[in-house]
Amino acid sequence: MNDSDFFSVDKLVEFGLGLAISQQMVASMNYTLTNSVIPGSSNVLSPNLSPELFYFAPENQVMGPFAAKETLDLIQQGKINKDTLAWKPGNPAWKKIEEMPEVLKYIALAPPQLP
């Protein structure tokens, strides 16, 4: 056997090491891909067991609880706006809607009032 022969010991060792390194790289990439978190993605199949409920205090009158659809209706009727105080279970205090992104998104979703 000479050094240019594929079956020489040196070539077989190089081939084996290259194969081992490539297997480790594939295992590392698979591990990284399966354990990575992509922002904004969620498990669509997981059930939402408790809908978000909000309380509002326009003109210091507490109203609620309201779910998302009812919140959109209140916005469309002009009963609440970004300056209205809002609270949801788990919050320590009342805040303006503009300080609560989870409620403010409904203002962005609501169609504008007709002229």
N, C-alpha and C. Protein backbone atom coordinates (compact mmCIF):
# COMPACT_ATOMS: atom_id res chain seq x y z
N MET A 1 0.84 -1.19 0.00
CA MET A 1 0.00 0.00 0.00
C MET A 1 0.88 1.24 0.00
N ASN A 2 0.43 2.25 -0.72
CA ASN A 2 1.16 3.51 -0.70
C ASN A 2 0.27 4.60 -0.08
N ASP A 3 0.82 5.78 0.15
CA ASP A 3 0.10 6.84 0.83
C ASP A 3 -1.07 7.40 0.03
N SER A 4 -1.08 7.22 -1.27
CA SER A 4 -2.17 7.77 -2.07
C SER A 4 -3.34 6.79 -2.15
N ASP A 5 -3.19 5.61 -1.60
CA ASP A 5 -4.24 4.61 -1.63
C ASP A 5 -5.31 4.95 -0.59
N PHE A 6 -6.58 4.83 -0.95
CA PHE A 6 -7.68 5.18 -0.04
C PHE A 6 -7.68 4.27 1.18
N PHE A 7 -7.25 3.07 1.03
CA PHE A 7 -7.32 2.12 2.13
C PHE A 7 -6.09 2.13 3.03
N SER A 8 -5.21 3.11 2.86
CA SER A 8 -4.07 3.19 3.77
C SER A 8 -4.58 3.55 5.16
N VAL A 9 -3.84 3.19 6.17
CA VAL A 9 -4.25 3.39 7.56
C VAL A 9 -4.47 4.87 7.85
N ASP A 10 -3.60 5.73 7.36
CA ASP A 10 -3.75 7.16 7.60
C ASP A 10 -5.05 7.68 7.00
N LYS A 11 -5.38 7.25 5.81
CA LYS A 11 -6.61 7.72 5.15
C LYS A 11 -7.84 7.19 5.88
N LEU A 12 -7.78 5.97 6.35
CA LEU A 12 -8.91 5.41 7.10
C LEU A 12 -9.11 6.14 8.43
N VAL A 13 -8.01 6.49 9.10
CA VAL A 13 -8.10 7.23 10.35
C VAL A 13 -8.70 8.62 10.09
N GLU A 14 -8.24 9.29 9.04
CA GLU A 14 -8.80 10.61 8.68
C GLU A 14 -10.28 10.50 8.37
N PHE A 15 -10.64 9.48 7.62
CA PHE A 15 -12.05 9.29 7.27
C PHE A 15 -12.90 9.04 8.51
N GLY A 16 -12.41 8.22 9.42
CA GLY A 16 -13.13 7.92 10.66
C GLY A 16 -13.29 9.15 11.54
N LEU A 17 -12.22 9.93 11.66
CA LEU A 17 -12.30 11.15 12.47
C LEU A 17 -13.28 12.15 11.84
N GLY A 18 -13.23 12.30 10.52
CA GLY A 18 -14.16 13.21 9.84
C GLY A 18 -15.60 12.79 10.04
N LEU A 19 -15.86 11.48 9.98
CA LEU A 19 -17.21 10.95 10.18
C LEU A 19 -17.67 11.20 11.61
N ALA A 20 -16.79 10.97 12.58
CA ALA A 20 -17.14 11.19 13.98
C ALA A 20 -17.45 12.66 14.25
N ILE A 21 -16.64 13.55 13.70
CA ILE A 21 -16.86 14.99 13.90
C ILE A 21 -18.18 15.42 13.26
N SER A 22 -18.47 14.90 12.08
CA SER A 22 -19.72 15.28 11.42
C SER A 22 -20.93 14.76 12.19
N GLN A 23 -20.83 13.58 12.79
CA GLN A 23 -21.93 13.06 13.60
C GLN A 23 -22.15 13.93 14.84
N GLN A 24 -21.07 14.39 15.45
CA GLN A 24 -21.19 15.27 16.61
C GLN A 24 -21.82 16.60 16.22
N MET A 25 -21.46 17.11 15.04
CA MET A 25 -22.03 18.38 14.58
C MET A 25 -23.53 18.23 14.34
N VAL A 26 -23.94 17.13 13.71
CA VAL A 26 -25.36 16.89 13.46
C VAL A 26 -26.12 16.76 14.77
N ALA A 27 -25.57 16.02 15.73
CA ALA A 27 -26.22 15.87 17.03
C ALA A 27 -26.34 17.21 17.74
N SER A 28 -25.30 18.03 17.66
CA SER A 28 -25.33 19.34 18.29
C SER A 28 -26.38 20.25 17.65
N MET A 29 -26.44 20.24 16.33
CA MET A 29 -27.45 21.07 15.63
C MET A 29 -28.86 20.59 15.93
N ASN A 30 -29.09 19.28 15.96
CA ASN A 30 -30.41 18.75 16.28
C ASN A 30 -30.83 19.14 17.69
N TYR A 31 -29.90 19.04 18.64
CA TYR A 31 -30.20 19.42 20.01
C TYR A 31 -30.57 20.90 20.09
N THR A 32 -29.80 21.74 19.41
CA THR A 32 -30.05 23.19 19.43
C THR A 32 -31.40 23.52 18.80
N LEU A 33 -31.71 22.89 17.69
CA LEU A 33 -32.98 23.17 17.01
C LEU A 33 -34.18 22.71 17.82
N THR A 34 -34.09 21.56 18.47
CA THR A 34 -35.23 21.06 19.23
C THR A 34 -35.42 21.81 20.54
N ASN A 35 -34.38 22.44 21.07
CA ASN A 35 -34.49 23.15 22.34
C ASN A 35 -34.50 24.66 22.20
N SER A 36 -34.57 25.17 20.98
CA SER A 36 -34.58 26.62 20.81
C SER A 36 -36.00 27.15 20.94
N VAL A 37 -36.09 28.37 21.41
CA VAL A 37 -37.37 29.05 21.58
C VAL A 37 -37.44 30.16 20.55
N ILE A 38 -38.51 30.18 19.79
CA ILE A 38 -38.70 31.21 18.78
C ILE A 38 -39.69 32.23 19.33
N PRO A 39 -39.26 33.49 19.50
CA PRO A 39 -40.17 34.51 20.05
C PRO A 39 -41.41 34.66 19.19
N GLY A 40 -42.54 34.73 19.86
CA GLY A 40 -43.79 34.93 19.14
C GLY A 40 -44.48 33.64 18.77
N SER A 41 -43.80 32.55 18.83
CA SER A 41 -44.46 31.29 18.51
C SER A 41 -44.97 30.66 19.78
N SER A 42 -46.03 29.95 19.66
CA SER A 42 -46.59 29.25 20.80
C SER A 42 -47.22 27.97 20.33
N ASN A 43 -47.56 27.15 21.26
CA ASN A 43 -48.23 25.91 20.93
C ASN A 43 -49.69 26.22 20.64
N VAL A 44 -50.05 26.19 19.37
CA VAL A 44 -51.39 26.56 18.95
C VAL A 44 -52.42 25.59 19.49
N LEU A 45 -52.02 24.36 19.72
CA LEU A 45 -52.95 23.35 20.16
C LEU A 45 -53.25 23.41 21.65
N SER A 46 -52.46 24.15 22.42
CA SER A 46 -52.72 24.21 23.86
C SER A 46 -53.97 25.04 24.12
N PRO A 47 -54.87 24.52 24.93
CA PRO A 47 -56.13 25.24 25.17
C PRO A 47 -55.91 26.43 26.08
N ASN A 48 -56.65 27.49 25.84
CA ASN A 48 -56.64 28.65 26.71
C ASN A 48 -57.73 28.42 27.75
N LEU A 49 -57.33 27.94 28.92
CA LEU A 49 -58.30 27.52 29.91
C LEU A 49 -59.01 28.69 30.58
N SER A 50 -58.36 29.81 30.71
CA SER A 50 -59.02 30.95 31.34
C SER A 50 -58.84 32.19 30.47
N PRO A 51 -59.94 32.70 29.93
CA PRO A 51 -59.83 33.91 29.10
C PRO A 51 -59.48 35.11 29.97
N GLU A 52 -58.80 36.08 29.35
CA GLU A 52 -58.46 37.29 30.09
C GLU A 52 -59.74 38.07 30.35
N LEU A 53 -59.90 38.49 31.58
CA LEU A 53 -61.04 39.30 31.97
C LEU A 53 -60.53 40.64 32.48
N PHE A 54 -61.23 41.71 32.08
CA PHE A 54 -60.81 43.05 32.44
C PHE A 54 -61.94 43.79 33.11
N TYR A 55 -61.56 44.69 34.00
CA TYR A 55 -62.50 45.61 34.63
C TYR A 55 -62.12 47.01 34.20
N PHE A 56 -63.12 47.86 34.02
CA PHE A 56 -62.87 49.23 33.58
C PHE A 56 -63.59 50.18 34.52
N ALA A 57 -63.05 51.40 34.63
CA ALA A 57 -63.65 52.41 35.51
C ALA A 57 -63.76 53.74 34.78
N PRO A 58 -64.65 53.81 33.77
CA PRO A 58 -64.87 55.12 33.15
C PRO A 58 -65.67 56.00 34.11
N GLU A 59 -65.26 57.23 34.28
CA GLU A 59 -65.93 58.17 35.18
C GLU A 59 -66.08 57.60 36.59
N ASN A 60 -65.06 56.87 37.05
CA ASN A 60 -65.00 56.29 38.40
C ASN A 60 -66.14 55.32 38.71
N GLN A 61 -66.73 54.72 37.71
CA GLN A 61 -67.75 53.69 37.88
C GLN A 61 -67.15 52.35 37.45
N VAL A 62 -67.00 51.41 38.35
CA VAL A 62 -66.39 50.12 38.02
C VAL A 62 -67.37 49.28 37.23
N MET A 63 -66.88 48.78 36.09
CA MET A 63 -67.67 47.91 35.22
C MET A 63 -66.87 46.65 34.95
N GLY A 64 -67.54 45.52 34.90
CA GLY A 64 -66.83 44.31 34.51
C GLY A 64 -67.28 43.11 35.29
N PRO A 65 -66.72 42.00 35.04
CA PRO A 65 -65.60 41.73 34.14
C PRO A 65 -66.03 41.61 32.68
N PHE A 66 -65.10 41.94 31.78
CA PHE A 66 -65.36 41.88 30.35
C PHE A 66 -64.30 41.00 29.68
N ALA A 67 -64.75 40.19 28.75
CA ALA A 67 -63.83 39.39 27.94
C ALA A 67 -63.42 40.22 26.72
N ALA A 68 -62.63 39.63 25.83
CA ALA A 68 -62.09 40.35 24.67
C ALA A 68 -63.20 40.93 23.79
N LYS A 69 -64.19 40.14 23.44
CA LYS A 69 -65.26 40.60 22.55
C LYS A 69 -66.01 41.77 23.17
N GLU A 70 -66.34 41.65 24.45
CA GLU A 70 -67.05 42.73 25.13
C GLU A 70 -66.19 43.99 25.23
N THR A 71 -64.88 43.81 25.41
CA THR A 71 -63.96 44.95 25.46
C THR A 71 -63.96 45.68 24.13
N LEU A 72 -63.92 44.93 23.03
CA LEU A 72 -63.99 45.55 21.69
C LEU A 72 -65.30 46.31 21.52
N ASP A 73 -66.40 45.74 22.00
CA ASP A 73 -67.70 46.42 21.90
C ASP A 73 -67.69 47.74 22.66
N LEU A 74 -67.11 47.74 23.87
CA LEU A 74 -67.06 48.98 24.67
C LEU A 74 -66.23 50.05 23.97
N ILE A 75 -65.14 49.63 23.32
CA ILE A 75 -64.30 50.58 22.60
C ILE A 75 -65.05 51.15 21.41
N GLN A 76 -65.74 50.29 20.66
CA GLN A 76 -66.49 50.74 19.49
C GLN A 76 -67.64 51.67 19.88
N GLN A 77 -68.22 51.44 21.04
CA GLN A 77 -69.32 52.30 21.50
C GLN A 77 -68.80 53.60 22.11
N GLY A 78 -67.50 53.71 22.28
CA GLY A 78 -66.91 54.93 22.83
C GLY A 78 -67.02 55.03 24.33
N LYS A 79 -67.34 53.93 25.00
CA LYS A 79 -67.48 53.96 26.46
C LYS A 79 -66.14 53.92 27.17
N ILE A 80 -65.12 53.34 26.52
CA ILE A 80 -63.78 53.34 27.09
C ILE A 80 -62.79 53.74 26.01
N ASN A 81 -61.66 54.31 26.45
CA ASN A 81 -60.59 54.68 25.53
C ASN A 81 -59.25 54.48 26.23
N LYS A 82 -58.18 54.93 25.61
CA LYS A 82 -56.85 54.67 26.16
C LYS A 82 -56.61 55.34 27.51
N ASP A 83 -57.42 56.33 27.86
CA ASP A 83 -57.26 57.03 29.13
C ASP A 83 -58.11 56.44 30.26
N THR A 84 -58.94 55.46 29.94
CA THR A 84 -59.80 54.83 30.94
C THR A 84 -58.96 53.95 31.86
N LEU A 85 -59.31 53.95 33.14
CA LEU A 85 -58.63 53.08 34.09
C LEU A 85 -59.07 51.64 33.87
N ALA A 86 -58.13 50.71 33.97
CA ALA A 86 -58.43 49.30 33.77
C ALA A 86 -57.69 48.48 34.82
N TRP A 87 -58.23 47.31 35.07
CA TRP A 87 -57.62 46.37 36.01
C TRP A 87 -57.92 44.96 35.54
N LYS A 88 -56.99 44.05 35.76
CA LYS A 88 -57.25 42.64 35.51
C LYS A 88 -56.75 41.85 36.69
N PRO A 89 -57.34 40.70 36.96
CA PRO A 89 -56.90 39.89 38.09
C PRO A 89 -55.40 39.61 38.00
N GLY A 90 -54.74 39.83 39.11
CA GLY A 90 -53.29 39.65 39.16
C GLY A 90 -52.53 40.97 39.17
N ASN A 91 -53.17 42.05 38.70
CA ASN A 91 -52.51 43.36 38.73
C ASN A 91 -52.65 43.95 40.13
N PRO A 92 -51.61 44.60 40.63
CA PRO A 92 -51.69 45.17 41.98
C PRO A 92 -52.53 46.45 42.05
N ALA A 93 -52.67 47.16 40.93
CA ALA A 93 -53.38 48.44 40.98
C ALA A 93 -54.04 48.73 39.63
N TRP A 94 -54.93 49.71 39.64
CA TRP A 94 -55.58 50.17 38.41
C TRP A 94 -54.57 50.95 37.58
N LYS A 95 -54.64 50.81 36.28
CA LYS A 95 -53.76 51.56 35.37
C LYS A 95 -54.59 52.07 34.21
N LYS A 96 -54.06 53.10 33.55
CA LYS A 96 -54.69 53.55 32.31
C LYS A 96 -54.50 52.45 31.27
N ILE A 97 -55.48 52.33 30.36
CA ILE A 97 -55.39 51.31 29.32
C ILE A 97 -54.11 51.48 28.51
N GLU A 98 -53.66 52.71 28.27
CA GLU A 98 -52.46 52.91 27.48
C GLU A 98 -51.22 52.33 28.16
N GLU A 99 -51.29 52.00 29.45
CA GLU A 99 -50.18 51.39 30.17
C GLU A 99 -50.31 49.87 30.27
N MET A 100 -51.39 49.32 29.68
CA MET A 100 -51.63 47.87 29.73
C MET A 100 -51.68 47.32 28.30
N PRO A 101 -50.57 46.81 27.79
CA PRO A 101 -50.54 46.34 26.40
C PRO A 101 -51.59 45.27 26.09
N GLU A 102 -51.93 44.45 27.10
CA GLU A 102 -52.90 43.40 26.86
C GLU A 102 -54.31 43.95 26.59
N VAL A 103 -54.60 45.16 27.01
CA VAL A 103 -55.88 45.80 26.71
C VAL A 103 -55.73 46.79 25.55
N LEU A 104 -54.59 47.47 25.51
CA LEU A 104 -54.34 48.47 24.46
C LEU A 104 -54.43 47.85 23.07
N LYS A 105 -54.08 46.58 22.95
CA LYS A 105 -54.14 45.92 21.63
C LYS A 105 -55.57 45.91 21.09
N TYR A 106 -56.57 45.89 21.97
CA TYR A 106 -57.95 45.88 21.50
C TYR A 106 -58.34 47.24 20.91
N ILE A 107 -57.75 48.31 21.41
CA ILE A 107 -58.01 49.62 20.82
C ILE A 107 -57.45 49.66 19.40
N ALA A 108 -56.28 49.05 19.21
CA ALA A 108 -55.69 49.01 17.86
C ALA A 108 -56.50 48.12 16.93
N LEU A 109 -57.17 47.10 17.46
CA LEU A 109 -57.97 46.18 16.65
C LEU A 109 -59.35 46.73 16.29
N ALA A 110 -59.83 47.67 17.08
CA ALA A 110 -61.18 48.20 16.87
C ALA A 110 -61.19 49.11 15.64
N PRO A 111 -62.22 48.95 14.80
CA PRO A 111 -62.32 49.86 13.64
C PRO A 111 -62.66 51.26 14.12
N PRO A 112 -62.26 52.28 13.36
CA PRO A 112 -62.58 53.66 13.77
C PRO A 112 -64.08 53.91 13.66
N GLN A 113 -64.54 54.90 14.43
CA GLN A 113 -65.95 55.27 14.37
C GLN A 113 -66.25 55.93 13.04
N LEU A 114 -67.46 55.75 12.58
CA LEU A 114 -67.87 56.38 11.33
C LEU A 114 -67.95 57.90 11.48
N PRO A 115 -67.62 58.64 10.42
CA PRO A 115 -67.68 60.11 10.53
C PRO A 115 -69.13 60.60 10.58
